[in-house]
C-alpha atoms as a PDB file:
ATOM      1  CA  MET A   1     -12.226  17.989  27.026  1.00  0.00           C
ATOM      2  CA  SER A   2     -13.593  15.472  29.332  1.00  0.00           C
ATOM      3  CA  TRP A   3     -13.560  11.931  28.112  1.00  0.00           C
ATOM      4  CA  ASN A   4     -16.648   9.655  28.335  1.00  0.00           C
ATOM      5  CA  GLU A   5     -17.739   5.885  27.541  1.00  0.00           C
ATOM      6  CA  GLU A   6     -19.793   7.746  24.518  1.00  0.00           C
ATOM      7  CA  ASP A   7     -16.173   8.731  23.280  1.00  0.00           C
ATOM      8  CA  VAL A   8     -14.906   5.155  22.688  1.00  0.00           C
ATOM      9  CA  MET A   9     -15.485   3.528  19.191  1.00  0.00           C
ATOM     10  CA  LEU A  10     -14.999   0.335  18.211  1.00  0.00           C
ATOM     11  CA  VAL A  11     -12.377   0.354  15.579  1.00  0.00           C
ATOM     12  CA  PRO A  12     -10.976  -2.805  12.942  1.00  0.00           C
ATOM     13  CA  VAL A  13      -7.451  -3.997  14.201  1.00  0.00           C
ATOM     14  CA  ALA A  14      -6.447  -4.165  10.520  1.00  0.00           C
ATOM     15  CA  TRP A  15      -6.781   0.160  10.153  1.00  0.00           C
ATOM     16  CA  LEU A  16      -4.296   0.487  13.058  1.00  0.00           C
ATOM     17  CA  LYS A  17      -0.549   1.291  12.365  1.00  0.00           C
ATOM     18  CA  PRO A  18       1.977   0.747  15.668  1.00  0.00           C
ATOM     19  CA  HIS A  19       5.078   3.102  15.770  1.00  0.00           C
ATOM     20  CA  GLU A  20       6.440   1.752  18.987  1.00  0.00           C
ATOM     21  CA  GLU A  21       8.011  -1.926  19.492  1.00  0.00           C
ATOM     22  CA  ILE A  22       6.449  -4.110  22.523  1.00  0.00           C
ATOM     23  CA  LYS A  23       7.926  -5.706  25.632  1.00  0.00           C
ATOM     24  CA  GLU A  24       6.428  -9.368  24.664  1.00  0.00           C
ATOM     25  CA  LYS A  25       6.731 -10.072  28.363  1.00  0.00           C
ATOM     26  CA  ASN A  26       4.825  -7.059  29.815  1.00  0.00           C
ATOM     27  CA  ARG A  27       2.172  -8.128  26.646  1.00  0.00           C
ATOM     28  CA  ASP A  28       2.152 -11.857  28.075  1.00  0.00           C
ATOM     29  CA  LYS A  29       1.194 -10.552  31.451  1.00  0.00           C
ATOM     30  CA  LEU A  30      -1.526  -8.198  29.655  1.00  0.00           C
ATOM     31  CA  LEU A  31      -3.112 -11.159  27.801  1.00  0.00           C
ATOM     32  CA  GLU A  32      -3.555 -13.396  30.600  1.00  0.00           C
ATOM     33  CA  MET A  33      -5.228 -10.591  32.456  1.00  0.00           C
ATOM     34  CA  THR A  34      -7.231 -10.039  29.615  1.00  0.00           C
ATOM     35  CA  LYS A  35      -8.470 -13.269  29.444  1.00  0.00           C
ATOM     36  CA  ARG A  36      -9.193 -13.761  32.928  1.00  0.00           C
ATOM     37  CA  TRP A  37     -11.441 -10.492  32.374  1.00  0.00           C
ATOM     38  CA  GLY A  38     -12.978 -11.656  29.387  1.00  0.00           C
ATOM     39  CA  GLY A  39     -12.286  -8.043  27.570  1.00  0.00           C
ATOM     40  CA  TYR A  40     -10.892  -4.940  27.345  1.00  0.00           C
ATOM     41  CA  THR A  41     -10.879  -2.917  30.089  1.00  0.00           C
ATOM     42  CA  LYS A  42      -9.297   0.137  28.578  1.00  0.00           C
ATOM     43  CA  PRO A  43      -9.402   2.172  25.246  1.00  0.00           C
ATOM     44  CA  LEU A  44      -6.222   2.649  23.062  1.00  0.00           C
ATOM     45  CA  LEU A  45      -5.519   5.877  21.866  1.00  0.00           C
ATOM     46  CA  VAL A  46      -5.595   6.446  17.825  1.00  0.00           C
ATOM     47  CA  ASP A  47      -4.957   9.427  15.608  1.00  0.00           C
ATOM     48  CA  LYS A  48      -8.104   9.670  13.816  1.00  0.00           C
ATOM     49  CA  GLN A  49      -6.562  10.509  10.487  1.00  0.00           C
ATOM     50  CA  THR A  50      -4.473   7.832  10.139  1.00  0.00           C
ATOM     51  CA  GLY A  51      -4.360   4.830  12.548  1.00  0.00           C
ATOM     52  CA  THR A  52      -1.598   5.573  14.397  1.00  0.00           C
ATOM     53  CA  ILE A  53      -1.703   4.153  17.786  1.00  0.00           C
ATOM     54  CA  LEU A  54      -0.401   6.335  20.385  1.00  0.00           C
ATOM     55  CA  ASP A  55      -1.097   4.592  23.433  1.00  0.00           C
ATOM     56  CA  GLY A  56      -2.405   0.734  23.622  1.00  0.00           C
ATOM     57  CA  HIS A  57       0.258  -1.054  21.574  1.00  0.00           C
ATOM     58  CA  HIS A  58       0.472  -3.922  24.226  1.00  0.00           C
ATOM     59  CA  ARG A  59      -3.174  -4.199  23.757  1.00  0.00           C
ATOM     60  CA  TYR A  60      -3.168  -3.997  19.886  1.00  0.00           C
ATOM     61  CA  SER A  61      -0.793  -6.490  20.051  1.00  0.00           C
ATOM     62  CA  ILE A  62      -2.867  -8.643  21.913  1.00  0.00           C
ATOM     63  CA  ALA A  63      -5.586  -8.200  19.485  1.00  0.00           C
ATOM     64  CA  LYS A  64      -3.457  -9.575  17.198  1.00  0.00           C
ATOM     65  CA  VAL A  65      -2.516 -12.354  19.112  1.00  0.00           C
ATOM     66  CA  LEU A  66      -6.325 -13.088  19.718  1.00  0.00           C
ATOM     67  CA  GLN A  67      -6.882 -12.648  15.864  1.00  0.00           C
ATOM     68  CA  LEU A  68      -9.763  -9.892  17.154  1.00  0.00           C
ATOM     69  CA  LYS A  69     -10.991  -8.226  14.612  1.00  0.00           C
ATOM     70  CA  GLN A  70     -11.650  -4.691  16.441  1.00  0.00           C
ATOM     71  CA  VAL A  71     -10.365  -2.937  19.484  1.00  0.00           C
ATOM     72  CA  PRO A  72     -12.314  -0.022  21.321  1.00  0.00           C
ATOM     73  CA  ALA A  73     -10.278   3.533  20.729  1.00  0.00           C
ATOM     74  CA  LEU A  74     -10.432   6.895  21.399  1.00  0.00           C
ATOM     75  CA  CYS A  75      -9.800   8.674  18.139  1.00  0.00           C
ATOM     76  CA  VAL A  76      -7.916  11.824  18.453  1.00  0.00           C
ATOM     77  CA  ASP A  77      -7.240  14.585  15.970  1.00  0.00           C
ATOM     78  CA  TYR A  78      -3.428  13.986  17.378  1.00  0.00           C
ATOM     79  CA  LEU A  79      -1.530  16.708  15.343  1.00  0.00           C
ATOM     80  CA  ASN A  80      -3.914  19.553  16.305  1.00  0.00           C
ATOM     81  CA  ASP A  81      -4.704  18.709  19.722  1.00  0.00           C
ATOM     82  CA  ASP A  82      -2.795  20.529  22.187  1.00  0.00           C
ATOM     83  CA  SER A  83      -4.357  18.283  25.032  1.00  0.00           C
ATOM     84  CA  ILE A  84      -2.214  14.847  24.235  1.00  0.00           C
ATOM     85  CA  THR A  85       1.507  15.657  24.836  1.00  0.00           C
ATOM     86  CA  LEU A  86       4.603  13.657  23.659  1.00  0.00           C
ATOM     87  CA  GLU A  87       7.793  13.069  25.469  1.00  0.00           C
ATOM     88  CA  VAL A  88      10.315  10.609  25.386  1.00  0.00           C
ATOM     89  CA  TRP A  89      11.116   7.743  28.244  1.00  0.00           C
ATOM     90  CA  PRO A  90      14.226   8.421  29.836  1.00  0.00           C
ATOM     91  CA  GLY A  91      17.073   6.263  28.466  1.00  0.00           C
ATOM     92  CA  CYS A  92      15.408   5.869  25.471  1.00  0.00           C
ATOM     93  CA  GLY A  93      18.287   7.070  23.441  1.00  0.00           C
ATOM     94  CA  ARG A  94      16.706  10.375  22.092  1.00  0.00           C
ATOM     95  CA  ASP A  95      16.540  13.819  23.601  1.00  0.00           C
ATOM     96  CA  ALA A  96      12.851  14.716  21.729  1.00  0.00           C
ATOM     97  CA  LEU A  97      10.357  13.247  19.349  1.00  0.00           C
ATOM     98  CA  THR A  98       7.799  14.952  17.454  1.00  0.00           C
ATOM     99  CA  LYS A  99       3.985  13.881  16.717  1.00  0.00           C
ATOM    100  CA  ALA A 100       4.941  14.154  13.258  1.00  0.00           C
ATOM    101  CA  GLU A 101       7.881  11.964  13.898  1.00  0.00           C
ATOM    102  CA  VAL A 102       5.522   9.358  15.469  1.00  0.00           C
ATOM    103  CA  ILE A 103       3.261   9.622  12.566  1.00  0.00           C
ATOM    104  CA  GLU A 104       5.726   9.371  10.062  1.00  0.00           C
ATOM    105  CA  MET A 105       7.392   6.133  11.543  1.00  0.00           C
ATOM    106  CA  ALA A 106       3.994   4.481  11.930  1.00  0.00           C
ATOM    107  CA  LEU A 107       3.095   5.150   8.477  1.00  0.00           C
ATOM    108  CA  SER A 108       6.625   3.586   7.308  1.00  0.00           C
ATOM    109  CA  GLY A 109       5.614  -0.011   8.716  1.00  0.00           C
ATOM    110  CA  GLY A 110       8.878   0.979  11.126  1.00  0.00           C
ATOM    111  CA  CYS A 111       8.783   1.257  14.767  1.00  0.00           C
ATOM    112  CA  PHE A 112      10.557   2.954  17.130  1.00  0.00           C
ATOM    113  CA  PRO A 113      12.117   0.440  20.371  1.00  0.00           C
ATOM    114  CA  PRO A 114       9.971  -0.308  23.422  1.00  0.00           C
ATOM    115  CA  LYS A 115       9.093   2.812  25.530  1.00  0.00           C
ATOM    116  CA  THR A 116      10.477   5.498  23.361  1.00  0.00           C
ATOM    117  CA  SER A 117       7.181   7.757  23.311  1.00  0.00           C
ATOM    118  CA  ARG A 118       5.409   8.693  26.152  1.00  0.00           C
ATOM    119  CA  HIS A 119       2.064  10.346  25.340  1.00  0.00           C
ATOM    120  CA  THR A 120      -0.362  11.517  27.959  1.00  0.00           C
ATOM    121  CA  LEU A 121      -3.798  12.891  27.754  1.00  0.00           C
ATOM    122  CA  SER A 122      -5.252  15.871  29.830  1.00  0.00           C
ATOM    123  CA  ASP A 123      -8.123  13.887  30.831  1.00  0.00           C
ATOM    124  CA  HIS A 124      -7.937  10.358  31.487  1.00  0.00           C
ATOM    125  CA  SER A 125      -9.837   7.698  29.464  1.00  0.00           C
ATOM    126  CA  PRO A 126     -12.689   6.628  30.754  1.00  0.00           C
ATOM    127  CA  PRO A 127     -13.402   3.034  32.166  1.00  0.00           C
ATOM    128  CA  ILE A 128     -14.750   0.660  29.850  1.00  0.00           C
ATOM    129  CA  PHE A 129     -15.673  -2.989  29.688  1.00  0.00           C
ATOM    130  CA  VAL A 130     -15.764  -4.452  25.946  1.00  0.00           C
ATOM    131  CA  PRO A 131     -15.917  -8.545  25.951  1.00  0.00           C
ATOM    132  CA  LEU A 132     -13.989 -10.406  24.102  1.00  0.00           C
ATOM    133  CA  ALA A 133     -16.994 -11.726  22.082  1.00  0.00           C
ATOM    134  CA  THR A 134     -17.856  -8.310  20.725  1.00  0.00           C
ATOM    135  CA  LEU A 135     -14.423  -7.868  19.482  1.00  0.00           C
ATOM    136  CA  GLU A 136     -13.774 -11.311  17.763  1.00  0.00           C
ATOM    137  CA  THR A 137     -16.218  -9.725  14.921  1.00  0.00           C
ATOM    138  CA  PHE A 138     -17.375  -6.597  12.847  1.00  0.00           C
ATOM    139  CA  SER A 139     -20.012  -4.747  14.510  1.00  0.00           C
ATOM    140  CA  ASP A 140     -22.066  -1.709  13.036  1.00  0.00           C
ATOM    141  CA  LEU A 141     -23.252  -0.823  17.010  1.00  0.00           C
ATOM    142  CA  SER A 142     -22.387   2.578  18.061  1.00  0.00           C
ATOM    143  CA  SER A 143     -19.724   2.627  20.684  1.00  0.00           C
ATOM    144  CA  SER A 144     -22.658   3.559  23.321  1.00  0.00           C
ATOM    145  CA  ASP A 145     -24.169   0.266  22.271  1.00  0.00           C
ATOM    146  CA  ALA A 146     -20.891  -1.661  22.172  1.00  0.00           C
ATOM    147  CA  LEU A 147     -19.964  -0.812  25.644  1.00  0.00           C
END
């Protein structure tokens, strides 16, 4: 599948569920860049069934800090989409991790340590720009109107 701008949706921050902790130093750097840019330039990767964040934990954390109501996301059928691969980062303390374990962790309200899971899309996410002002309130706009 080839991703494009029309595949990106604005989703409520409150619906999202992290499965992995972040590195605050990395978040702070990205927060400053996001403020400088004035918006999000990359969507989060999210399971459409559960709201589990697969990629974009630092961007989610920034949304919480900025008290944003929504964020841009590619919503996928995580458990059934073979184009999304899962590996563990070297040195994370685990030999393997399953997609079911990722979902289970997110739904439990707990989190793996930073840099445990590594998700890869066969196609790269599309370049986007969503202004912070758009993300501060809820919108009924379709993704193509919002981006």
